[in-house]
Amino acid sequence: MIAGFLLALIGHGVIGALLALELAISTVDQVLEVDIRTLPPTERAAHVVLFVNLGIILALLGQQLLAWAALPPALVRVDHGWASWVLSGLAIASLGWRVRDGLAASRLRRRSRMGGNGGL
């Protein structure tokens, strides 16, 4: 429901689509992880904090998304000084980490198919 709401009202639709995707992925991840393995209490608490954090982000950014809904779709350059540079650097580092994780998962999958122990 939230995803449809965001996608229907966003003038700058890319951000709304990404938030909807993040919500869907986080929800599926939470449901699957609870079913697949037993989590220690500290990790369950961390998941609650992360999900609450996502809710806060969606609530706060949702207000801005409503304002953007009146605008035509566009990528608009915004400069927030040094914070823009720091956050851009962190985003690039995060992307690099995701690529690294993807490659590691691919190697483990390939090893398990070949009968190895996956480096464990």
Protein backbone atom coordinates (compact mmCIF):
# COMPACT_ATOMS: atom_id res chain seq x y z
CA MET A 1 0.00 0.00 0.00
CA ILE A 2 2.78 2.43 0.92
CA ALA A 3 4.71 1.47 -2.21
CA GLY A 4 1.70 2.19 -4.42
CA PHE A 5 1.10 5.48 -2.64
CA LEU A 6 4.72 6.56 -3.11
CA LEU A 7 4.91 5.50 -6.73
CA ALA A 8 1.61 7.17 -7.62
CA LEU A 9 2.38 10.54 -6.11
CA ILE A 10 6.07 11.13 -6.76
CA GLY A 11 7.05 13.74 -9.29
CA HIS A 12 10.65 12.80 -8.66
CA GLY A 13 9.62 9.14 -9.01
CA VAL A 14 13.07 7.57 -8.79
CA ILE A 15 13.37 8.33 -5.07
CA GLY A 16 9.86 7.09 -4.36
CA ALA A 17 10.52 3.88 -6.28
CA LEU A 18 13.77 3.30 -4.40
CA LEU A 19 12.07 3.83 -1.04
CA ALA A 20 9.28 1.44 -2.00
CA LEU A 21 11.87 -1.12 -3.10
CA GLU A 22 13.79 -0.70 0.16
CA LEU A 23 10.63 -1.25 2.19
CA ALA A 24 9.76 -4.39 0.21
CA ILE A 25 13.27 -5.83 0.48
CA SER A 26 13.51 -5.08 4.20
CA THR A 27 10.14 -6.69 4.87
CA VAL A 28 10.93 -9.85 2.91
CA ASP A 29 14.39 -10.05 4.52
CA GLN A 30 12.88 -9.79 8.00
CA VAL A 31 10.27 -12.49 7.33
CA LEU A 32 12.72 -14.90 5.69
CA GLU A 33 15.45 -14.46 8.27
CA VAL A 34 13.09 -15.23 11.15
CA ASP A 35 12.01 -18.44 9.38
CA ILE A 36 15.48 -19.55 8.30
CA ARG A 37 17.52 -19.22 11.47
CA THR A 38 17.23 -18.58 15.17
CA LEU A 39 18.40 -15.07 15.93
CA PRO A 40 20.05 -14.09 19.20
CA PRO A 41 18.18 -11.43 21.20
CA THR A 42 20.74 -8.74 20.37
CA GLU A 43 20.32 -9.28 16.63
CA ARG A 44 16.53 -9.25 16.96
CA ALA A 45 16.82 -5.95 18.83
CA ALA A 46 19.11 -4.57 16.10
CA HIS A 47 16.53 -5.54 13.46
CA VAL A 48 13.81 -3.72 15.38
CA VAL A 49 15.97 -0.59 15.60
CA LEU A 50 16.78 -0.76 11.88
CA PHE A 51 13.12 -1.21 10.94
CA VAL A 52 12.08 1.69 13.17
CA ASN A 53 14.83 3.75 11.53
CA LEU A 54 13.42 2.91 8.09
CA GLY A 55 9.96 3.95 9.28
CA ILE A 56 11.29 7.28 10.50
CA ILE A 57 13.05 7.87 7.18
CA LEU A 58 9.87 7.06 5.25
CA ALA A 59 7.78 9.32 7.50
CA LEU A 60 10.15 12.28 7.28
CA LEU A 61 10.99 11.92 3.61
CA GLY A 62 7.34 11.25 2.82
CA GLN A 63 6.59 14.90 3.57
CA GLN A 64 9.21 16.00 1.04
CA LEU A 65 7.97 13.47 -1.49
CA LEU A 66 4.49 14.99 -1.30
CA ALA A 67 5.98 18.41 -2.07
CA TRP A 68 7.92 16.94 -5.01
CA ALA A 69 4.75 15.33 -6.38
CA ALA A 70 3.71 18.72 -7.78
CA LEU A 71 6.95 18.99 -9.77
CA PRO A 72 7.73 17.32 -13.10
CA PRO A 73 10.04 14.27 -12.97
CA ALA A 74 13.65 15.40 -12.94
CA LEU A 75 17.07 14.86 -11.44
CA VAL A 76 17.94 18.09 -9.71
CA ARG A 77 21.42 18.96 -8.47
CA VAL A 78 21.46 20.03 -4.82
CA ASP A 79 24.48 21.26 -2.88
CA HIS A 80 24.51 21.02 0.91
CA GLY A 81 28.18 21.92 1.24
CA TRP A 82 30.58 19.48 2.88
CA ALA A 83 27.73 17.17 3.94
CA SER A 84 26.95 16.46 0.27
CA TRP A 85 30.54 15.38 -0.32
CA VAL A 86 30.72 13.22 2.81
CA LEU A 87 27.42 11.49 2.11
CA SER A 88 28.33 10.99 -1.56
CA GLY A 89 31.59 9.36 -0.46
CA LEU A 90 29.74 7.10 1.96
CA ALA A 91 27.27 6.14 -0.78
CA ILE A 92 30.12 5.20 -3.11
CA ALA A 93 31.80 3.19 -0.33
CA SER A 94 28.50 1.42 0.37
CA LEU A 95 28.13 0.57 -3.32
CA GLY A 96 31.65 -0.86 -3.33
CA TRP A 97 30.85 -2.94 -0.26
CA ARG A 98 27.70 -4.29 -1.93
CA VAL A 99 29.69 -5.29 -5.02
CA ARG A 100 32.26 -7.00 -2.79
CA ASP A 101 29.50 -8.90 -0.93
CA GLY A 102 27.90 -9.93 -4.23
CA LEU A 103 31.20 -11.27 -5.57
CA ALA A 104 31.88 -13.15 -2.32
CA ALA A 105 28.40 -14.71 -2.41
CA SER A 106 28.92 -15.73 -6.02
CA ARG A 107 32.24 -17.40 -5.14
CA LEU A 108 30.64 -19.27 -2.22
CA ARG A 109 27.78 -20.46 -4.42
CA ARG A 110 30.22 -21.66 -7.07
CA ARG A 111 32.32 -23.52 -4.46
CA SER A 112 29.28 -25.19 -2.94
CA ARG A 113 28.16 -26.42 -6.36
CA MET A 114 31.64 -27.89 -6.90
CA GLY A 115 31.36 -29.86 -3.64
CA GLY A 116 33.66 -27.66 -1.56
CA ASN A 117 32.91 -26.35 1.86
CA GLY A 118 32.69 -22.75 0.61
CA GLY A 119 35.78 -21.72 2.53
CA LEU A 120 34.13 -22.36 5.89
